[in-house]
Each structure stands twice: as C-alpha cells, then as structure tokens.
Amino acid sequence: MPSNETRVTVVGMTCQHCVASVREEIEELTGVTGVDVDLDTGAVVVAADREVPLAEIAAAVDEAGYALAE
C-alpha cells in the first residue's frame, strides 16, 4: 500500500491531554495509519494509506477544539 504523509501545524495545544485529543480525532479519519504530534512546535504528521484531504484533517482538529495554523 502506498503511504501518504501530511504535515500540518496545530495552534492552541498546551498539554499532553491536548495532544491526545488531536491524535484521537485524526486517527478516526478513514485511511489514517499513524499520527505524530509534537506539543512544543505544534507539528502534526499524519500517515495514511490514502491522500487525506486537508479539509478532513482541519475538521478533525476543530472537533478536538483546536485549529490549524494559517
């Protein structure tokens, strides 16, 4: 299976609970195989077996209560 990686920056995360919330919401997206979240930088790497549209990632991050950096 091909692997697709998408990198985004999430703003507003301040603790490990924030990280867990963002990770859990993104992991629910179809095709996602892994999510790496860096609390210090806000960097999020989404690995998937399909190309996950940025709008889907943004919606998942919003559901967790955060936003993508502009």
C-alpha atoms as a PDB file:
ATOM      1  CA  MET A   1       0.000   0.000   0.000  1.00  0.00           C
ATOM      2  CA  PRO A   2       1.305   3.459  -0.778  1.00  0.00           C
ATOM      3  CA  SER A   3       1.983   5.715   2.174  1.00  0.00           C
ATOM      4  CA  ASN A   4       0.979   9.360   2.227  1.00  0.00           C
ATOM      5  CA  GLU A   5       2.262  11.825   4.788  1.00  0.00           C
ATOM      6  CA  THR A   6       0.685  15.181   5.516  1.00  0.00           C
ATOM      7  CA  ARG A   7       2.326  17.748   7.780  1.00  0.00           C
ATOM      8  CA  VAL A   8       0.312  20.479   9.475  1.00  0.00           C
ATOM      9  CA  THR A   9       0.733  22.823  12.421  1.00  0.00           C
ATOM     10  CA  VAL A  10      -1.909  22.964  15.140  1.00  0.00           C
ATOM     11  CA  VAL A  11      -2.250  26.031  17.361  1.00  0.00           C
ATOM     12  CA  GLY A  12      -3.542  26.162  20.921  1.00  0.00           C
ATOM     13  CA  MET A  13      -2.215  22.877  22.327  1.00  0.00           C
ATOM     14  CA  THR A  14      -0.742  23.335  25.812  1.00  0.00           C
ATOM     15  CA  CYS A  15      -0.553  19.871  27.394  1.00  0.00           C
ATOM     16  CA  GLN A  16      -0.467  16.136  26.753  1.00  0.00           C
ATOM     17  CA  HIS A  17      -4.268  15.997  27.014  1.00  0.00           C
ATOM     18  CA  CYS A  18      -4.405  18.392  24.049  1.00  0.00           C
ATOM     19  CA  VAL A  19      -2.028  16.136  22.123  1.00  0.00           C
ATOM     20  CA  ALA A  20      -4.156  13.073  22.905  1.00  0.00           C
ATOM     21  CA  SER A  21      -7.368  14.827  21.828  1.00  0.00           C
ATOM     22  CA  VAL A  22      -5.894  15.900  18.488  1.00  0.00           C
ATOM     23  CA  ARG A  23      -4.353  12.460  17.886  1.00  0.00           C
ATOM     24  CA  GLU A  24      -7.609  10.622  18.692  1.00  0.00           C
ATOM     25  CA  GLU A  25      -9.718  12.759  16.336  1.00  0.00           C
ATOM     26  CA  ILE A  26      -7.276  12.452  13.430  1.00  0.00           C
ATOM     27  CA  GLU A  27      -6.853   8.689  13.971  1.00  0.00           C
ATOM     28  CA  GLU A  28     -10.601   8.280  13.331  1.00  0.00           C
ATOM     29  CA  LEU A  29     -10.236   9.512   9.733  1.00  0.00           C
ATOM     30  CA  THR A  30     -10.505   6.826   7.055  1.00  0.00           C
ATOM     31  CA  GLY A  31      -7.127   5.519   5.943  1.00  0.00           C
ATOM     32  CA  VAL A  32      -5.044   7.094   8.706  1.00  0.00           C
ATOM     33  CA  THR A  33      -2.334   4.691   9.880  1.00  0.00           C
ATOM     34  CA  GLY A  34      -0.452   6.923  12.304  1.00  0.00           C
ATOM     35  CA  VAL A  35      -0.370  10.366  13.878  1.00  0.00           C
ATOM     36  CA  ASP A  36       2.702  12.024  15.404  1.00  0.00           C
ATOM     37  CA  VAL A  37       2.091  15.189  17.422  1.00  0.00           C
ATOM     38  CA  ASP A  38       4.856  17.469  18.763  1.00  0.00           C
ATOM     39  CA  LEU A  39       3.488  19.571  21.617  1.00  0.00           C
ATOM     40  CA  ASP A  40       6.410  22.036  21.624  1.00  0.00           C
ATOM     41  CA  THR A  41       6.146  23.019  17.962  1.00  0.00           C
ATOM     42  CA  GLY A  42       2.513  22.113  17.245  1.00  0.00           C
ATOM     43  CA  ALA A  43       3.718  19.989  14.330  1.00  0.00           C
ATOM     44  CA  VAL A  44       1.465  17.088  13.366  1.00  0.00           C
ATOM     45  CA  VAL A  45       2.418  14.396  10.867  1.00  0.00           C
ATOM     46  CA  VAL A  46      -0.453  12.290   9.557  1.00  0.00           C
ATOM     47  CA  ALA A  47       0.454   8.993   7.878  1.00  0.00           C
ATOM     48  CA  ALA A  48      -2.217   7.315   5.780  1.00  0.00           C
ATOM     49  CA  ASP A  49      -2.760   4.709   3.104  1.00  0.00           C
ATOM     50  CA  ARG A  50      -4.579   7.328   1.009  1.00  0.00           C
ATOM     51  CA  GLU A  51      -4.251  11.045   0.408  1.00  0.00           C
ATOM     52  CA  VAL A  52      -6.212  12.616   3.265  1.00  0.00           C
ATOM     53  CA  PRO A  53      -7.667  15.991   2.222  1.00  0.00           C
ATOM     54  CA  LEU A  54      -6.507  18.914   4.345  1.00  0.00           C
ATOM     55  CA  ALA A  55     -10.168  19.809   4.953  1.00  0.00           C
ATOM     56  CA  GLU A  56     -10.703  16.443   6.691  1.00  0.00           C
ATOM     57  CA  ILE A  57      -7.669  16.971   8.914  1.00  0.00           C
ATOM     58  CA  ALA A  58      -8.785  20.527   9.705  1.00  0.00           C
ATOM     59  CA  ALA A  59     -12.275  19.281  10.634  1.00  0.00           C
ATOM     60  CA  ALA A  60     -10.811  16.616  12.948  1.00  0.00           C
ATOM     61  CA  VAL A  61      -8.550  19.189  14.621  1.00  0.00           C
ATOM     62  CA  ASP A  62     -11.552  21.518  15.001  1.00  0.00           C
ATOM     63  CA  GLU A  63     -13.558  18.672  16.564  1.00  0.00           C
ATOM     64  CA  ALA A  64     -10.756  18.304  19.129  1.00  0.00           C
ATOM     65  CA  GLY A  65     -11.108  22.011  19.920  1.00  0.00           C
ATOM     66  CA  TYR A  66      -8.052  23.371  18.109  1.00  0.00           C
ATOM     67  CA  ALA A  67      -7.197  24.923  14.762  1.00  0.00           C
ATOM     68  CA  LEU A  68      -4.619  24.615  12.021  1.00  0.00           C
ATOM     69  CA  ALA A  69      -2.105  27.445  11.753  1.00  0.00           C
ATOM     70  CA  GLU A  70      -2.814  29.812   8.871  1.00  0.00           C
END
